[in-house]
Amino acid sequence: MSILNLHNDLNTYLILAAILFGMGMYGLITRRTLIGMLIASELILAAAAINFMAFNRFTAPDPTVGQIFTLFIMAIATAEATIGLSITIAIYRNYKSVDTADIVDLKG
């Protein structure tokens, strides 16, 4: 397989999505701040969107199915970012920190 034909291969997109998903999971596990966790979860959603678009391009009989699912993922990511940032602002106002180790009142 030549370097010029990499963009026409399903495996290339799946490997890219797996790398993004791995980076997102690593970020969720290792980040201590809420904003870092939010960015890591956005990477996971981007990986899912790449998977939908890749399978849409190479295997779906109807080309709009993957695009519609990707639009739903983008809407979910937007809502998650909005709610996550508002919760982060509320926590910062109460605790003067966004470090998850400093927030001990939320433990049950």
C-alpha atoms as a PDB file:
ATOM      1  CA  MET A   1       0.000   0.000   0.000  1.00  0.00           C
ATOM      2  CA  SER A   2       1.507   3.295  -1.009  1.00  0.00           C
ATOM      3  CA  ILE A   3       1.451   6.431   1.063  1.00  0.00           C
ATOM      4  CA  LEU A   4      -0.805   8.135  -1.486  1.00  0.00           C
ATOM      5  CA  ASN A   5      -3.612   5.601  -1.061  1.00  0.00           C
ATOM      6  CA  LEU A   6      -3.802   5.785   2.743  1.00  0.00           C
ATOM      7  CA  HIS A   7      -6.772   8.139   2.660  1.00  0.00           C
ATOM      8  CA  ASN A   8      -8.864   5.580   0.757  1.00  0.00           C
ATOM      9  CA  ASP A   9      -8.581   2.831   3.355  1.00  0.00           C
ATOM     10  CA  LEU A  10     -11.047   2.113   6.180  1.00  0.00           C
ATOM     11  CA  ASN A  11      -8.267   0.871   8.451  1.00  0.00           C
ATOM     12  CA  THR A  12      -6.574   4.267   8.383  1.00  0.00           C
ATOM     13  CA  TYR A  13      -9.669   5.974   9.752  1.00  0.00           C
ATOM     14  CA  LEU A  14     -10.196   3.269  12.354  1.00  0.00           C
ATOM     15  CA  ILE A  15      -6.596   3.544  13.548  1.00  0.00           C
ATOM     16  CA  LEU A  16      -6.940   7.332  13.798  1.00  0.00           C
ATOM     17  CA  ALA A  17     -10.162   6.934  15.787  1.00  0.00           C
ATOM     18  CA  ALA A  18      -8.526   4.351  18.069  1.00  0.00           C
ATOM     19  CA  ILE A  19      -5.620   6.715  18.729  1.00  0.00           C
ATOM     20  CA  LEU A  20      -8.024   9.560  19.574  1.00  0.00           C
ATOM     21  CA  PHE A  21     -10.056   7.257  21.808  1.00  0.00           C
ATOM     22  CA  GLY A  22      -6.915   6.089  23.592  1.00  0.00           C
ATOM     23  CA  MET A  23      -5.759   9.659  24.128  1.00  0.00           C
ATOM     24  CA  GLY A  24      -9.186  10.546  25.481  1.00  0.00           C
ATOM     25  CA  MET A  25      -9.258   7.606  27.902  1.00  0.00           C
ATOM     26  CA  TYR A  26      -5.726   8.374  29.054  1.00  0.00           C
ATOM     27  CA  GLY A  27      -6.755  12.000  29.609  1.00  0.00           C
ATOM     28  CA  LEU A  28      -9.837  11.012  31.596  1.00  0.00           C
ATOM     29  CA  ILE A  29      -7.808   8.722  33.834  1.00  0.00           C
ATOM     30  CA  THR A  30      -4.813  10.993  34.426  1.00  0.00           C
ATOM     31  CA  ARG A  31      -6.226  14.528  34.472  1.00  0.00           C
ATOM     32  CA  ARG A  32      -7.033  16.013  37.830  1.00  0.00           C
ATOM     33  CA  THR A  33      -8.848  19.138  36.699  1.00  0.00           C
ATOM     34  CA  LEU A  34     -12.416  19.205  35.468  1.00  0.00           C
ATOM     35  CA  ILE A  35     -11.498  21.121  32.317  1.00  0.00           C
ATOM     36  CA  GLY A  36      -8.873  18.536  31.373  1.00  0.00           C
ATOM     37  CA  MET A  37     -11.434  15.770  31.838  1.00  0.00           C
ATOM     38  CA  LEU A  38     -13.911  17.675  29.690  1.00  0.00           C
ATOM     39  CA  ILE A  39     -11.396  18.020  26.859  1.00  0.00           C
ATOM     40  CA  ALA A  40     -10.548  14.313  27.110  1.00  0.00           C
ATOM     41  CA  SER A  41     -14.218  13.370  26.813  1.00  0.00           C
ATOM     42  CA  GLU A  42     -14.467  15.547  23.714  1.00  0.00           C
ATOM     43  CA  LEU A  43     -11.648  13.487  22.174  1.00  0.00           C
ATOM     44  CA  ILE A  44     -13.643  10.320  22.833  1.00  0.00           C
ATOM     45  CA  LEU A  45     -16.702  11.782  21.112  1.00  0.00           C
ATOM     46  CA  ALA A  46     -14.562  12.888  18.163  1.00  0.00           C
ATOM     47  CA  ALA A  47     -13.278   9.322  17.820  1.00  0.00           C
ATOM     48  CA  ALA A  48     -16.846   8.042  17.716  1.00  0.00           C
ATOM     49  CA  ALA A  49     -17.732  10.594  15.041  1.00  0.00           C
ATOM     50  CA  ILE A  50     -14.747   9.530  12.923  1.00  0.00           C
ATOM     51  CA  ASN A  51     -15.866   5.904  13.197  1.00  0.00           C
ATOM     52  CA  PHE A  52     -19.385   6.749  12.048  1.00  0.00           C
ATOM     53  CA  MET A  53     -18.132   8.769   9.100  1.00  0.00           C
ATOM     54  CA  ALA A  54     -15.598   6.104   8.092  1.00  0.00           C
ATOM     55  CA  PHE A  55     -18.152   3.314   8.137  1.00  0.00           C
ATOM     56  CA  ASN A  56     -20.579   5.601   6.335  1.00  0.00           C
ATOM     57  CA  ARG A  57     -18.079   6.204   3.552  1.00  0.00           C
ATOM     58  CA  PHE A  58     -16.966   2.619   3.037  1.00  0.00           C
ATOM     59  CA  THR A  59     -19.875   0.331   3.999  1.00  0.00           C
ATOM     60  CA  ALA A  60     -23.232   2.114   4.244  1.00  0.00           C
ATOM     61  CA  PRO A  61     -25.677   1.875   1.350  1.00  0.00           C
ATOM     62  CA  ASP A  62     -27.268   5.195   2.354  1.00  0.00           C
ATOM     63  CA  PRO A  63     -24.618   7.934   2.613  1.00  0.00           C
ATOM     64  CA  THR A  64     -26.631  10.146   4.974  1.00  0.00           C
ATOM     65  CA  VAL A  65     -26.887   7.720   7.906  1.00  0.00           C
ATOM     66  CA  GLY A  66     -23.356   8.246   9.216  1.00  0.00           C
ATOM     67  CA  GLN A  67     -23.609  11.989   8.723  1.00  0.00           C
ATOM     68  CA  ILE A  68     -26.811  12.171  10.764  1.00  0.00           C
ATOM     69  CA  PHE A  69     -25.252  10.162  13.582  1.00  0.00           C
ATOM     70  CA  THR A  70     -22.225  12.446  13.490  1.00  0.00           C
ATOM     71  CA  LEU A  71     -24.465  15.505  13.781  1.00  0.00           C
ATOM     72  CA  PHE A  72     -26.101  13.924  16.836  1.00  0.00           C
ATOM     73  CA  ILE A  73     -22.671  13.295  18.351  1.00  0.00           C
ATOM     74  CA  MET A  74     -21.723  16.926  17.733  1.00  0.00           C
ATOM     75  CA  ALA A  75     -24.937  18.081  19.427  1.00  0.00           C
ATOM     76  CA  ILE A  76     -24.251  15.835  22.422  1.00  0.00           C
ATOM     77  CA  ALA A  77     -20.678  17.120  22.631  1.00  0.00           C
ATOM     78  CA  THR A  78     -21.911  20.709  22.582  1.00  0.00           C
ATOM     79  CA  ALA A  79     -24.438  20.055  25.328  1.00  0.00           C
ATOM     80  CA  GLU A  80     -21.839  18.203  27.383  1.00  0.00           C
ATOM     81  CA  ALA A  81     -19.333  21.044  27.045  1.00  0.00           C
ATOM     82  CA  THR A  82     -21.933  23.630  28.013  1.00  0.00           C
ATOM     83  CA  ILE A  83     -23.156  21.757  31.070  1.00  0.00           C
ATOM     84  CA  GLY A  84     -19.634  20.729  32.067  1.00  0.00           C
ATOM     85  CA  LEU A  85     -18.321  24.281  31.905  1.00  0.00           C
ATOM     86  CA  SER A  86     -21.278  25.624  33.889  1.00  0.00           C
ATOM     87  CA  ILE A  87     -20.687  22.996  36.590  1.00  0.00           C
ATOM     88  CA  THR A  88     -16.980  23.866  36.562  1.00  0.00           C
ATOM     89  CA  ILE A  89     -17.763  27.559  37.040  1.00  0.00           C
ATOM     90  CA  ALA A  90     -20.151  26.770  39.907  1.00  0.00           C
ATOM     91  CA  ILE A  91     -17.536  24.571  41.611  1.00  0.00           C
ATOM     92  CA  TYR A  92     -14.861  27.239  41.144  1.00  0.00           C
ATOM     93  CA  ARG A  93     -17.107  29.847  42.754  1.00  0.00           C
ATOM     94  CA  ASN A  94     -17.638  27.642  45.806  1.00  0.00           C
ATOM     95  CA  TYR A  95     -14.178  26.084  46.234  1.00  0.00           C
ATOM     96  CA  LYS A  96     -11.856  28.537  44.407  1.00  0.00           C
ATOM     97  CA  SER A  97     -10.290  25.546  42.619  1.00  0.00           C
ATOM     98  CA  VAL A  98     -11.139  23.167  39.773  1.00  0.00           C
ATOM     99  CA  ASP A  99      -8.836  20.404  40.996  1.00  0.00           C
ATOM    100  CA  THR A 100     -10.878  17.281  41.644  1.00  0.00           C
ATOM    101  CA  ALA A 101      -8.854  16.395  44.751  1.00  0.00           C
ATOM    102  CA  ASP A 102      -9.930  19.647  46.428  1.00  0.00           C
ATOM    103  CA  ILE A 103     -13.631  18.892  46.077  1.00  0.00           C
ATOM    104  CA  VAL A 104     -14.294  16.657  49.085  1.00  0.00           C
ATOM    105  CA  ASP A 105     -17.887  17.660  49.890  1.00  0.00           C
ATOM    106  CA  LEU A 106     -19.209  15.775  46.846  1.00  0.00           C
ATOM    107  CA  LYS A 107     -18.095  12.389  48.186  1.00  0.00           C
ATOM    108  CA  GLY A 108     -21.009  10.293  49.470  1.00  0.00           C
END
